[in-house]
Amino acid sequence: MTSLDGAGPLLDRIEGPDAAGRVAGRRRVPGDEPFFAGHFPAMPVVPGVFMVEALAECARRSLPPGAVLASAPLVRFRRRVGPGETLELQVTPAEAEGERRRFDAVASVDGQTAVQATLEFRVEAGAPER
């Protein structure tokens, strides 16, 4: 398993993929994030799209370069995430069919699920797997 600090724009840390293709990530949400000013000033909350993209960032770690997030056919938001909290992300390969790769993804805070999603990526035919 490999580990990388400063893993990407939305992650502080990323590990994997492991032998089963699972990737884990972490993101501490600082209170000075610009989106908190408008989302929402009285009750700051991390926008759902940022959490889904952080999960996609984890999944891309086990995909060939150029893989594109094609859809998120299932996304459930279970818990609000606010300033100062740490998101723990886990992405697990679910199935591969032709040019499609599907992942089961969960983001949690202190063991409580914040987001549960199924993510589908499109991979160019003939692209080497990682």
Protein backbone atom coordinates (compact mmCIF):
# COMPACT_ATOMS: atom_id res chain seq x y z
CA MET A 1 0.00 0.00 0.00
CA THR A 2 1.30 3.43 -0.86
CA SER A 3 0.64 6.60 1.05
CA LEU A 4 0.86 10.18 -0.10
CA ASP A 5 0.45 13.34 1.95
CA GLY A 6 -0.95 16.34 0.10
CA ALA A 7 -2.69 13.84 -2.16
CA GLY A 8 -4.80 16.24 -4.14
CA PRO A 9 -6.90 19.36 -3.95
CA LEU A 10 -9.56 17.73 -1.74
CA LEU A 11 -7.53 15.24 0.29
CA ASP A 12 -4.89 15.61 2.98
CA ARG A 13 -3.90 11.95 2.82
CA ILE A 14 -4.55 8.99 0.53
CA GLU A 15 -3.58 5.32 0.86
CA GLY A 16 -3.87 2.53 -1.62
CA PRO A 17 -4.93 0.86 -3.63
CA ASP A 18 -4.44 -2.29 -1.57
CA ALA A 19 -4.48 -5.82 -3.04
CA ALA A 20 -8.31 -5.71 -3.25
CA GLY A 21 -8.26 -2.30 -4.95
CA ARG A 22 -9.55 -0.37 -1.91
CA VAL A 23 -8.41 3.21 -1.45
CA ALA A 24 -8.68 5.25 1.74
CA GLY A 25 -8.40 9.00 2.10
CA ARG A 26 -8.69 11.67 4.74
CA ARG A 27 -9.63 15.34 4.67
CA ARG A 28 -9.69 17.66 7.67
CA VAL A 29 -12.10 20.48 6.86
CA PRO A 30 -10.62 23.78 8.04
CA GLY A 31 -13.00 26.47 9.22
CA ASP A 32 -11.65 29.02 6.76
CA GLU A 33 -12.79 27.21 3.59
CA PRO A 34 -14.20 29.87 1.21
CA PHE A 35 -17.40 27.93 0.54
CA PHE A 36 -18.49 28.25 4.20
CA ALA A 37 -19.20 31.98 3.64
CA GLY A 38 -22.14 31.16 1.39
CA HIS A 39 -22.96 27.59 2.38
CA PHE A 40 -24.44 28.55 4.90
CA PRO A 41 -23.31 31.51 7.07
CA ALA A 42 -25.54 30.68 10.05
CA MET A 43 -24.81 26.94 9.90
CA PRO A 44 -21.68 26.20 7.82
CA VAL A 45 -21.80 22.87 6.01
CA VAL A 46 -19.50 21.21 3.46
CA PRO A 47 -21.28 21.13 0.08
CA GLY A 48 -22.19 17.60 -0.99
CA VAL A 49 -20.47 17.97 -4.35
CA PHE A 50 -17.11 18.45 -2.58
CA MET A 51 -17.58 15.24 -0.60
CA VAL A 52 -18.57 13.26 -3.71
CA GLU A 53 -15.58 14.64 -5.61
CA ALA A 54 -13.25 13.70 -2.72
CA LEU A 55 -14.57 10.12 -2.99
CA ALA A 56 -14.01 10.23 -6.76
CA GLU A 57 -10.45 11.46 -6.15
CA CYS A 58 -9.86 8.32 -4.07
CA ALA A 59 -11.32 6.05 -6.75
CA ARG A 60 -9.18 7.61 -9.48
CA ARG A 61 -6.13 6.37 -7.57
CA SER A 62 -6.88 2.82 -8.72
CA LEU A 63 -7.85 3.73 -12.30
CA PRO A 64 -5.77 4.35 -15.41
CA PRO A 65 -4.92 7.94 -16.30
CA GLY A 66 -7.72 9.63 -18.19
CA ALA A 67 -10.55 7.79 -16.39
CA VAL A 68 -13.58 10.07 -16.14
CA LEU A 69 -16.35 10.12 -13.55
CA ALA A 70 -19.35 9.27 -15.74
CA SER A 71 -22.14 9.11 -13.16
CA ALA A 72 -23.07 8.80 -9.54
CA PRO A 73 -26.26 6.75 -9.81
CA LEU A 74 -26.68 6.53 -6.03
CA VAL A 75 -25.72 9.21 -3.54
CA ARG A 76 -27.14 9.40 -0.04
CA PHE A 77 -26.25 12.20 2.37
CA ARG A 78 -26.61 10.88 5.92
CA ARG A 79 -24.93 13.52 8.08
CA ARG A 80 -23.88 17.16 7.82
CA VAL A 81 -20.15 17.88 7.84
CA GLY A 82 -18.96 21.17 9.28
CA PRO A 83 -15.80 23.14 9.96
CA GLY A 84 -13.09 21.39 11.94
CA GLU A 85 -14.35 17.87 11.25
CA THR A 86 -12.32 15.16 9.54
CA LEU A 87 -13.75 13.12 6.69
CA GLU A 88 -12.52 9.52 6.44
CA LEU A 89 -13.08 8.16 2.93
CA GLN A 90 -13.20 4.54 1.78
CA VAL A 91 -13.66 3.47 -1.85
CA THR A 92 -14.04 -0.18 -2.88
CA PRO A 93 -14.21 -1.53 -6.44
CA ALA A 94 -17.63 -3.09 -7.04
CA GLU A 95 -17.65 -4.23 -10.67
CA ALA A 96 -16.10 -3.70 -14.06
CA GLU A 97 -17.98 -4.03 -17.31
CA GLY A 98 -16.43 -3.03 -20.61
CA GLU A 99 -15.28 0.57 -20.30
CA ARG A 100 -17.14 1.08 -17.00
CA ARG A 101 -15.73 0.74 -13.49
CA ARG A 102 -18.07 0.97 -10.52
CA PHE A 103 -17.09 1.75 -6.92
CA ASP A 104 -18.88 1.68 -3.59
CA ALA A 105 -17.84 4.75 -1.62
CA VAL A 106 -18.37 5.97 1.94
CA ALA A 107 -17.30 9.16 3.69
CA SER A 108 -17.65 9.24 7.45
CA VAL A 109 -16.92 11.46 10.44
CA ASP A 110 -16.13 9.84 13.78
CA GLY A 111 -17.53 6.52 12.53
CA GLN A 112 -20.83 8.06 11.39
CA THR A 113 -21.61 7.82 7.69
CA ALA A 114 -21.85 11.26 6.09
CA VAL A 115 -22.11 10.19 2.43
CA GLN A 116 -22.74 6.81 0.82
CA ALA A 117 -22.38 6.61 -2.96
CA THR A 118 -21.98 4.45 -6.01
CA LEU A 119 -19.59 6.00 -8.52
CA GLU A 120 -19.17 4.95 -12.16
CA PHE A 121 -16.11 5.82 -14.21
CA ARG A 122 -15.48 5.50 -17.94
CA VAL A 123 -12.07 4.07 -18.88
CA GLU A 124 -10.80 4.17 -22.44
CA ALA A 125 -10.68 0.77 -24.09
CA GLY A 126 -7.18 -0.67 -23.92
CA ALA A 127 -6.05 1.63 -21.10
CA PRO A 128 -3.67 -0.22 -18.77
CA GLU A 129 -5.04 -0.91 -15.28
CA ARG A 130 -3.00 0.24 -12.29
